[in-house]
Each structure stands twice: as C-alpha cells, then as structure tokens.
Amino acid sequence: YVELVSSHERKQRPEWFVSHWWGEPVVHFVFCLQEFAYQRGHRAVFWVCAYCNNQHELTGDITLDPSCSSFGRAFRRTR
C-alpha cells in the first residue's frame, strides 16, 4: 500500500507494529496513533495488521509457523 500513496517508499518503512481490534471505533484508534506520533516528535510509521492483510482471504497468510506469516515478517522489521 505504501508504494501507492507515497513517493518516498523507503522513508516509510514501518517502525511500529500495531493491532486494531474491530470492536474499537476507528476514530479512537487513529487518535491513539496520532497521540503516539505526537509524543515522538510527529515521526512514527506504523504497520497495522488489520489494514495490511486481506481480511477476506486470510488463509494465504496463516501458516503453521507464525514466523513465516506477514505478522512474523512485520515483527522482525518493527519495534
């Protein structure tokens, strides 16, 4: 996704892995991310699991070894 919305893909590498619970209003989730970034000098790039996986086709990303999934790759690349 980032390659479609940013002309600086390399500068947008995720720093923080975050998970969104679908029972939480999205506006609250976004507010929390904004506050988190504000506390860090307005610089925080997130990998949001709910938005980085096809929620209608998760079977391709659920593996026997979680370290081989996109979640595992994201954990290795973020804090």
N, C-alpha and C. Protein backbone atom coordinates (compact mmCIF):
# COMPACT_ATOMS: atom_id res chain seq x y z
N TYR A 1 0.80 -1.19 0.00
CA TYR A 1 0.00 0.00 0.00
C TYR A 1 0.86 1.27 0.00
N VAL A 2 1.90 1.27 0.81
CA VAL A 2 2.70 2.50 0.91
C VAL A 2 3.29 2.91 -0.44
N GLU A 3 3.60 1.94 -1.26
CA GLU A 3 4.18 2.27 -2.56
C GLU A 3 3.17 2.99 -3.46
N LEU A 4 1.90 2.90 -3.12
CA LEU A 4 0.86 3.56 -3.91
C LEU A 4 0.55 4.97 -3.41
N VAL A 5 0.82 5.26 -2.15
CA VAL A 5 0.44 6.55 -1.58
C VAL A 5 1.62 7.45 -1.24
N SER A 6 2.83 6.98 -1.43
CA SER A 6 3.99 7.78 -1.08
C SER A 6 5.03 7.72 -2.20
N SER A 7 5.62 8.85 -2.47
CA SER A 7 6.71 8.86 -3.44
C SER A 7 8.04 8.54 -2.77
N HIS A 8 8.02 8.32 -1.45
CA HIS A 8 9.23 8.03 -0.68
C HIS A 8 9.05 6.72 0.07
N GLU A 9 8.88 5.64 -0.67
CA GLU A 9 8.60 4.34 -0.06
C GLU A 9 9.65 3.95 0.98
N ARG A 10 10.91 4.14 0.69
CA ARG A 10 11.97 3.74 1.62
C ARG A 10 11.90 4.51 2.94
N LYS A 11 11.44 5.75 2.90
CA LYS A 11 11.31 6.54 4.12
C LYS A 11 10.10 6.11 4.93
N GLN A 12 9.26 5.28 4.36
CA GLN A 12 8.03 4.86 5.02
C GLN A 12 8.11 3.45 5.59
N ARG A 13 9.29 2.92 5.75
CA ARG A 13 9.40 1.58 6.33
C ARG A 13 8.79 1.59 7.72
N PRO A 14 7.99 0.60 8.06
CA PRO A 14 7.31 0.60 9.35
C PRO A 14 8.29 0.51 10.52
N GLU A 15 7.98 1.28 11.55
CA GLU A 15 8.78 1.26 12.76
C GLU A 15 8.04 0.54 13.89
N TRP A 16 6.73 0.63 13.88
CA TRP A 16 5.92 0.11 14.98
C TRP A 16 4.84 -0.82 14.44
N PHE A 17 4.71 -1.99 15.06
CA PHE A 17 3.65 -2.94 14.75
C PHE A 17 2.48 -2.63 15.67
N VAL A 18 1.31 -2.43 15.12
CA VAL A 18 0.12 -2.21 15.94
C VAL A 18 -1.01 -3.09 15.44
N SER A 19 -1.86 -3.46 16.35
CA SER A 19 -3.01 -4.30 16.03
C SER A 19 -4.28 -3.52 16.34
N HIS A 20 -5.23 -3.63 15.46
CA HIS A 20 -6.51 -2.94 15.63
C HIS A 20 -7.58 -3.96 15.95
N TRP A 21 -8.33 -3.70 17.01
CA TRP A 21 -9.47 -4.55 17.36
C TRP A 21 -10.71 -3.98 16.69
N TRP A 22 -11.41 -4.79 15.90
CA TRP A 22 -12.53 -4.29 15.12
C TRP A 22 -13.68 -3.79 15.98
N GLY A 23 -13.69 -4.10 17.28
CA GLY A 23 -14.73 -3.60 18.17
C GLY A 23 -14.48 -2.17 18.63
N GLU A 24 -13.30 -1.65 18.35
CA GLU A 24 -12.96 -0.28 18.72
C GLU A 24 -13.29 0.65 17.56
N PRO A 25 -13.91 1.78 17.82
CA PRO A 25 -14.16 2.73 16.73
C PRO A 25 -12.84 3.16 16.09
N VAL A 26 -12.81 3.19 14.78
CA VAL A 26 -11.59 3.54 14.05
C VAL A 26 -11.09 4.93 14.44
N VAL A 27 -12.01 5.85 14.70
CA VAL A 27 -11.61 7.20 15.07
C VAL A 27 -10.81 7.19 16.37
N HIS A 28 -11.13 6.31 17.31
CA HIS A 28 -10.36 6.19 18.56
C HIS A 28 -8.97 5.62 18.27
N PHE A 29 -8.93 4.62 17.41
CA PHE A 29 -7.66 4.00 17.03
C PHE A 29 -6.74 5.04 16.38
N VAL A 30 -7.26 5.81 15.45
CA VAL A 30 -6.47 6.84 14.76
C VAL A 30 -6.01 7.90 15.76
N PHE A 31 -6.87 8.29 16.68
CA PHE A 31 -6.47 9.26 17.70
C PHE A 31 -5.29 8.73 18.51
N CYS A 32 -5.34 7.47 18.90
CA CYS A 32 -4.24 6.87 19.67
C CYS A 32 -2.93 6.90 18.87
N LEU A 33 -3.01 6.57 17.57
CA LEU A 33 -1.81 6.60 16.74
C LEU A 33 -1.28 8.03 16.59
N GLN A 34 -2.19 8.99 16.44
CA GLN A 34 -1.76 10.39 16.34
C GLN A 34 -1.08 10.84 17.63
N GLU A 35 -1.62 10.47 18.76
CA GLU A 35 -1.02 10.85 20.05
C GLU A 35 0.34 10.18 20.22
N PHE A 36 0.43 8.92 19.83
CA PHE A 36 1.70 8.20 19.89
C PHE A 36 2.76 8.91 19.05
N ALA A 37 2.39 9.30 17.83
CA ALA A 37 3.32 10.00 16.94
C ALA A 37 3.68 11.37 17.51
N TYR A 38 2.70 12.08 18.05
CA TYR A 38 2.94 13.40 18.64
C TYR A 38 3.98 13.30 19.76
N GLN A 39 3.88 12.28 20.59
CA GLN A 39 4.81 12.09 21.70
C GLN A 39 6.23 11.79 21.21
N ARG A 40 6.36 11.41 19.95
CA ARG A 40 7.66 11.09 19.36
C ARG A 40 8.07 12.09 18.28
N GLY A 41 7.67 13.31 18.46
CA GLY A 41 8.07 14.35 17.52
C GLY A 41 7.42 14.24 16.16
N HIS A 42 6.21 13.73 16.10
CA HIS A 42 5.43 13.59 14.86
C HIS A 42 6.05 12.62 13.86
N ARG A 43 6.90 11.73 14.33
CA ARG A 43 7.54 10.78 13.43
C ARG A 43 7.30 9.36 13.92
N ALA A 44 6.36 8.69 13.31
CA ALA A 44 6.09 7.29 13.62
C ALA A 44 5.43 6.66 12.40
N VAL A 45 6.00 5.57 11.93
CA VAL A 45 5.43 4.85 10.78
C VAL A 45 4.95 3.51 11.31
N PHE A 46 3.68 3.21 11.05
CA PHE A 46 3.04 2.03 11.63
C PHE A 46 2.79 0.94 10.60
N TRP A 47 2.86 -0.29 11.06
CA TRP A 47 2.39 -1.46 10.32
C TRP A 47 1.16 -1.91 11.06
N VAL A 48 -0.01 -1.68 10.49
CA VAL A 48 -1.28 -2.01 11.14
C VAL A 48 -1.79 -3.33 10.55
N CYS A 49 -1.81 -4.35 11.39
CA CYS A 49 -2.13 -5.68 10.87
C CYS A 49 -3.50 -5.72 10.20
N ALA A 50 -4.48 -5.03 10.75
CA ALA A 50 -5.83 -5.07 10.19
C ALA A 50 -5.91 -4.49 8.79
N TYR A 51 -4.98 -3.61 8.46
CA TYR A 51 -5.01 -2.96 7.15
C TYR A 51 -3.97 -3.51 6.18
N CYS A 52 -3.15 -4.40 6.64
CA CYS A 52 -2.07 -4.94 5.79
C CYS A 52 -2.32 -6.36 5.36
N ASN A 53 -3.46 -6.90 5.72
CA ASN A 53 -3.84 -8.24 5.30
C ASN A 53 -5.21 -8.16 4.64
N ASN A 54 -5.42 -9.01 3.65
CA ASN A 54 -6.73 -9.10 3.04
C ASN A 54 -7.66 -9.78 4.04
N GLN A 55 -8.54 -9.03 4.65
CA GLN A 55 -9.41 -9.56 5.70
C GLN A 55 -10.41 -10.59 5.18
N HIS A 56 -10.57 -10.66 3.87
CA HIS A 56 -11.49 -11.63 3.28
C HIS A 56 -10.77 -12.89 2.81
N GLU A 57 -9.44 -12.89 2.88
CA GLU A 57 -8.65 -14.03 2.41
C GLU A 57 -7.41 -14.19 3.30
N LEU A 58 -7.64 -14.52 4.55
CA LEU A 58 -6.54 -14.66 5.49
C LEU A 58 -5.85 -16.03 5.41
N THR A 59 -6.47 -16.99 4.78
CA THR A 59 -5.89 -18.34 4.75
C THR A 59 -4.52 -18.36 4.09
N GLY A 60 -4.28 -17.48 3.14
CA GLY A 60 -2.97 -17.43 2.49
C GLY A 60 -1.89 -16.89 3.39
N ASP A 61 -2.27 -16.25 4.47
CA ASP A 61 -1.28 -15.65 5.36
C ASP A 61 -1.18 -16.35 6.71
N ILE A 62 -2.02 -17.32 6.96
CA ILE A 62 -1.97 -18.08 8.22
C ILE A 62 -1.19 -19.36 7.94
N THR A 63 -0.04 -19.48 8.58
CA THR A 63 0.83 -20.62 8.34
C THR A 63 1.03 -21.41 9.62
N LEU A 64 1.54 -22.64 9.47
CA LEU A 64 1.85 -23.44 10.66
C LEU A 64 2.94 -22.79 11.49
N ASP A 65 3.86 -22.14 10.82
CA ASP A 65 4.94 -21.44 11.51
C ASP A 65 4.65 -19.95 11.44
N PRO A 66 4.20 -19.34 12.55
CA PRO A 66 3.85 -17.93 12.53
C PRO A 66 4.99 -17.01 12.08
N SER A 67 6.22 -17.43 12.24
CA SER A 67 7.33 -16.57 11.81
C SER A 67 7.40 -16.44 10.29
N CYS A 68 6.69 -17.30 9.57
CA CYS A 68 6.67 -17.23 8.10
C CYS A 68 5.50 -16.39 7.57
N SER A 69 4.65 -15.92 8.45
CA SER A 69 3.50 -15.12 8.03
C SER A 69 3.90 -13.65 7.89
N SER A 70 3.00 -12.85 7.35
CA SER A 70 3.28 -11.42 7.27
C SER A 70 3.40 -10.81 8.67
N PHE A 71 2.73 -11.39 9.64
CA PHE A 71 2.85 -10.92 11.02
C PHE A 71 4.28 -11.14 11.52
N GLY A 72 4.82 -12.32 11.27
CA GLY A 72 6.20 -12.62 11.66
C GLY A 72 7.20 -11.70 10.99
N ARG A 73 7.00 -11.48 9.70
CA ARG A 73 7.89 -10.56 8.98
C ARG A 73 7.79 -9.15 9.54
N ALA A 74 6.58 -8.73 9.87
CA ALA A 74 6.40 -7.38 10.43
C ALA A 74 7.06 -7.27 11.81
N PHE A 75 6.94 -8.28 12.63
CA PHE A 75 7.57 -8.25 13.95
C PHE A 75 9.08 -8.11 13.82
N ARG A 76 9.66 -8.77 12.85
CA ARG A 76 11.11 -8.70 12.66
C ARG A 76 11.56 -7.32 12.15
N ARG A 77 10.69 -6.61 11.48
CA ARG A 77 11.07 -5.33 10.87
C ARG A 77 10.64 -4.11 11.69
N THR A 78 9.89 -4.33 12.74
CA THR A 78 9.40 -3.21 13.55
C THR A 78 9.85 -3.36 14.99
N ARG A 79 9.53 -2.38 15.81
CA ARG A 79 9.90 -2.43 17.23
C ARG A 79 8.93 -3.24 18.03
